[in-house]
Amino acid sequence: MKDDMRYEARQVPLMLGKLLGGILAVIGFGGLVFISTRPPKPTTLSIVLHLIAGIVGITVFALCSRIMSSRCAREALDEAGRKQTGAKALSWIILLALAAIFIVIMLLVSG
């Protein structure tokens, strides 16, 4: 029980990193869609800043996800643990679904 709590405590910063990366990606790309579909034409600087925020968010999310997966694979001793490591794609699916929902909402609101 104590080892499980230590393992989970070591994963918390990476989980928060994934959360921060996902939020940053949604805000960056969502903001890019939002400012691109509004009249007055956006400045190049605002487009680049939103694009950079989205790319940094995806990079942080992917990096934290890879580190978590490698830690899980190292600590997995049985076959069930290895199968669980492969199930980390759920985080990506949730991130992409939330980003798509946000973009659709922004397009509907702006239209």
C-alpha atoms as a PDB file:
ATOM      1  CA  MET A   1       0.000   0.000   0.000  1.00  0.00           C
ATOM      2  CA  LYS A   2       2.805   2.383   0.918  1.00  0.00           C
ATOM      3  CA  ASP A   3       4.669   1.663  -2.329  1.00  0.00           C
ATOM      4  CA  ASP A   4       1.522   2.325  -4.346  1.00  0.00           C
ATOM      5  CA  MET A   5       1.075   5.694  -2.677  1.00  0.00           C
ATOM      6  CA  ARG A   6       4.694   6.632  -3.404  1.00  0.00           C
ATOM      7  CA  TYR A   7       4.294   5.558  -7.015  1.00  0.00           C
ATOM      8  CA  GLU A   8       1.150   7.667  -7.401  1.00  0.00           C
ATOM      9  CA  ALA A   9       2.798  10.636  -5.693  1.00  0.00           C
ATOM     10  CA  ARG A  10       5.668  10.482  -8.185  1.00  0.00           C
ATOM     11  CA  GLN A  11       3.165  10.509 -11.043  1.00  0.00           C
ATOM     12  CA  VAL A  12       1.298  13.639  -9.868  1.00  0.00           C
ATOM     13  CA  PRO A  13       3.709  16.219 -11.404  1.00  0.00           C
ATOM     14  CA  LEU A  14       3.548  14.420 -14.741  1.00  0.00           C
ATOM     15  CA  MET A  15      -0.246  14.239 -14.600  1.00  0.00           C
ATOM     16  CA  LEU A  16      -0.378  17.948 -13.875  1.00  0.00           C
ATOM     17  CA  GLY A  17       2.032  18.530 -16.757  1.00  0.00           C
ATOM     18  CA  LYS A  18      -0.283  16.615 -19.073  1.00  0.00           C
ATOM     19  CA  LEU A  19      -3.240  18.632 -17.824  1.00  0.00           C
ATOM     20  CA  LEU A  20      -1.381  21.908 -18.314  1.00  0.00           C
ATOM     21  CA  GLY A  21      -0.238  20.850 -21.784  1.00  0.00           C
ATOM     22  CA  GLY A  22      -3.755  19.868 -22.802  1.00  0.00           C
ATOM     23  CA  ILE A  23      -5.254  23.099 -21.553  1.00  0.00           C
ATOM     24  CA  LEU A  24      -2.537  25.143 -23.254  1.00  0.00           C
ATOM     25  CA  ALA A  25      -3.091  23.300 -26.553  1.00  0.00           C
ATOM     26  CA  VAL A  26      -6.849  23.843 -26.434  1.00  0.00           C
ATOM     27  CA  ILE A  27      -6.457  27.523 -25.541  1.00  0.00           C
ATOM     28  CA  GLY A  28      -3.785  28.063 -28.200  1.00  0.00           C
ATOM     29  CA  PHE A  29      -5.541  26.361 -31.095  1.00  0.00           C
ATOM     30  CA  GLY A  30      -9.002  27.430 -29.947  1.00  0.00           C
ATOM     31  CA  GLY A  31      -7.843  31.023 -29.670  1.00  0.00           C
ATOM     32  CA  LEU A  32      -6.308  30.744 -33.124  1.00  0.00           C
ATOM     33  CA  VAL A  33      -9.635  29.643 -34.565  1.00  0.00           C
ATOM     34  CA  PHE A  34     -11.474  32.326 -32.588  1.00  0.00           C
ATOM     35  CA  ILE A  35      -9.320  35.252 -33.695  1.00  0.00           C
ATOM     36  CA  SER A  36      -9.107  33.976 -37.262  1.00  0.00           C
ATOM     37  CA  THR A  37     -12.880  33.904 -37.690  1.00  0.00           C
ATOM     38  CA  ARG A  38     -13.625  37.323 -36.183  1.00  0.00           C
ATOM     39  CA  PRO A  39     -13.693  40.503 -38.158  1.00  0.00           C
ATOM     40  CA  PRO A  40     -11.097  42.772 -37.854  1.00  0.00           C
ATOM     41  CA  LYS A  41      -8.277  40.858 -39.403  1.00  0.00           C
ATOM     42  CA  PRO A  42      -5.945  39.580 -36.666  1.00  0.00           C
ATOM     43  CA  THR A  43      -2.345  40.674 -36.511  1.00  0.00           C
ATOM     44  CA  THR A  44       0.400  38.278 -37.469  1.00  0.00           C
ATOM     45  CA  LEU A  45       1.815  38.440 -33.947  1.00  0.00           C
ATOM     46  CA  SER A  46      -1.430  37.246 -32.347  1.00  0.00           C
ATOM     47  CA  ILE A  47      -1.708  34.383 -34.840  1.00  0.00           C
ATOM     48  CA  VAL A  48       1.881  33.302 -34.184  1.00  0.00           C
ATOM     49  CA  LEU A  49       1.469  33.540 -30.388  1.00  0.00           C
ATOM     50  CA  HIS A  50      -1.643  31.348 -30.412  1.00  0.00           C
ATOM     51  CA  LEU A  51       0.022  28.864 -32.755  1.00  0.00           C
ATOM     52  CA  ILE A  52       3.107  28.675 -30.529  1.00  0.00           C
ATOM     53  CA  ALA A  53       0.918  28.175 -27.443  1.00  0.00           C
ATOM     54  CA  GLY A  54      -0.880  25.284 -29.138  1.00  0.00           C
ATOM     55  CA  ILE A  55       2.340  23.639 -30.279  1.00  0.00           C
ATOM     56  CA  VAL A  56       3.964  24.052 -26.859  1.00  0.00           C
ATOM     57  CA  GLY A  57       0.851  22.565 -25.229  1.00  0.00           C
ATOM     58  CA  ILE A  58       0.961  19.476 -27.434  1.00  0.00           C
ATOM     59  CA  THR A  59       4.704  19.128 -26.857  1.00  0.00           C
ATOM     60  CA  VAL A  60       4.358  19.332 -23.063  1.00  0.00           C
ATOM     61  CA  PHE A  61       1.466  16.855 -23.138  1.00  0.00           C
ATOM     62  CA  ALA A  62       3.389  14.388 -25.326  1.00  0.00           C
ATOM     63  CA  LEU A  63       6.588  14.706 -23.288  1.00  0.00           C
ATOM     64  CA  CYS A  64       4.836  14.080 -19.968  1.00  0.00           C
ATOM     65  CA  SER A  65       2.903  11.199 -21.494  1.00  0.00           C
ATOM     66  CA  ARG A  66       6.087   9.571 -22.794  1.00  0.00           C
ATOM     67  CA  ILE A  67       7.834   9.934 -19.438  1.00  0.00           C
ATOM     68  CA  MET A  68       4.851   8.420 -17.628  1.00  0.00           C
ATOM     69  CA  SER A  69       4.673   5.543 -20.090  1.00  0.00           C
ATOM     70  CA  SER A  70       8.365   4.776 -19.775  1.00  0.00           C
ATOM     71  CA  ARG A  71       8.137   4.819 -15.979  1.00  0.00           C
ATOM     72  CA  CYS A  72       5.142   2.517 -16.075  1.00  0.00           C
ATOM     73  CA  ALA A  73       6.909   0.140 -18.448  1.00  0.00           C
ATOM     74  CA  ARG A  74       9.986  -0.003 -16.219  1.00  0.00           C
ATOM     75  CA  GLU A  75       7.933  -0.686 -13.120  1.00  0.00           C
ATOM     76  CA  ALA A  76       5.562  -3.160 -14.740  1.00  0.00           C
ATOM     77  CA  LEU A  77       6.586  -6.654 -13.739  1.00  0.00           C
ATOM     78  CA  ASP A  78       3.700  -8.645 -15.103  1.00  0.00           C
ATOM     79  CA  GLU A  79       1.892  -8.820 -18.433  1.00  0.00           C
ATOM     80  CA  ALA A  80      -1.183  -6.969 -17.093  1.00  0.00           C
ATOM     81  CA  GLY A  81       1.005  -3.972 -16.247  1.00  0.00           C
ATOM     82  CA  ARG A  82       2.421  -3.917 -19.766  1.00  0.00           C
ATOM     83  CA  LYS A  83      -1.073  -3.976 -21.268  1.00  0.00           C
ATOM     84  CA  GLN A  84      -2.054  -1.053 -19.054  1.00  0.00           C
ATOM     85  CA  THR A  85       0.919   0.930 -20.369  1.00  0.00           C
ATOM     86  CA  GLY A  86      -0.472   0.582 -23.887  1.00  0.00           C
ATOM     87  CA  ALA A  87      -3.812   2.016 -22.758  1.00  0.00           C
ATOM     88  CA  LYS A  88      -2.371   5.524 -22.378  1.00  0.00           C
ATOM     89  CA  ALA A  89      -3.874   6.470 -25.746  1.00  0.00           C
ATOM     90  CA  LEU A  90      -7.047   7.390 -23.865  1.00  0.00           C
ATOM     91  CA  SER A  91      -5.416  10.664 -22.781  1.00  0.00           C
ATOM     92  CA  TRP A  92      -4.754  11.571 -26.409  1.00  0.00           C
ATOM     93  CA  ILE A  93      -8.300  10.722 -27.433  1.00  0.00           C
ATOM     94  CA  ILE A  94      -9.728  12.906 -24.663  1.00  0.00           C
ATOM     95  CA  LEU A  95      -7.407  15.810 -25.581  1.00  0.00           C
ATOM     96  CA  LEU A  96      -8.306  15.676 -29.259  1.00  0.00           C
ATOM     97  CA  ALA A  97     -12.027  15.292 -28.537  1.00  0.00           C
ATOM     98  CA  LEU A  98     -12.040  18.330 -26.223  1.00  0.00           C
ATOM     99  CA  ALA A  99     -10.078  20.369 -28.758  1.00  0.00           C
ATOM    100  CA  ALA A 100     -12.509  19.391 -31.538  1.00  0.00           C
ATOM    101  CA  ILE A 101     -15.535  20.248 -29.392  1.00  0.00           C
ATOM    102  CA  PHE A 102     -14.011  23.617 -28.509  1.00  0.00           C
ATOM    103  CA  ILE A 103     -13.271  24.410 -32.148  1.00  0.00           C
ATOM    104  CA  VAL A 104     -16.795  23.437 -33.245  1.00  0.00           C
ATOM    105  CA  ILE A 105     -18.321  25.597 -30.505  1.00  0.00           C
ATOM    106  CA  MET A 106     -16.128  28.555 -31.513  1.00  0.00           C
ATOM    107  CA  LEU A 107     -17.131  28.156 -35.166  1.00  0.00           C
ATOM    108  CA  LEU A 108     -20.825  27.982 -34.255  1.00  0.00           C
ATOM    109  CA  VAL A 109     -20.607  31.031 -31.988  1.00  0.00           C
ATOM    110  CA  SER A 110     -18.690  33.078 -34.529  1.00  0.00           C
ATOM    111  CA  GLY A 111     -20.947  32.122 -37.430  1.00  0.00           C
END
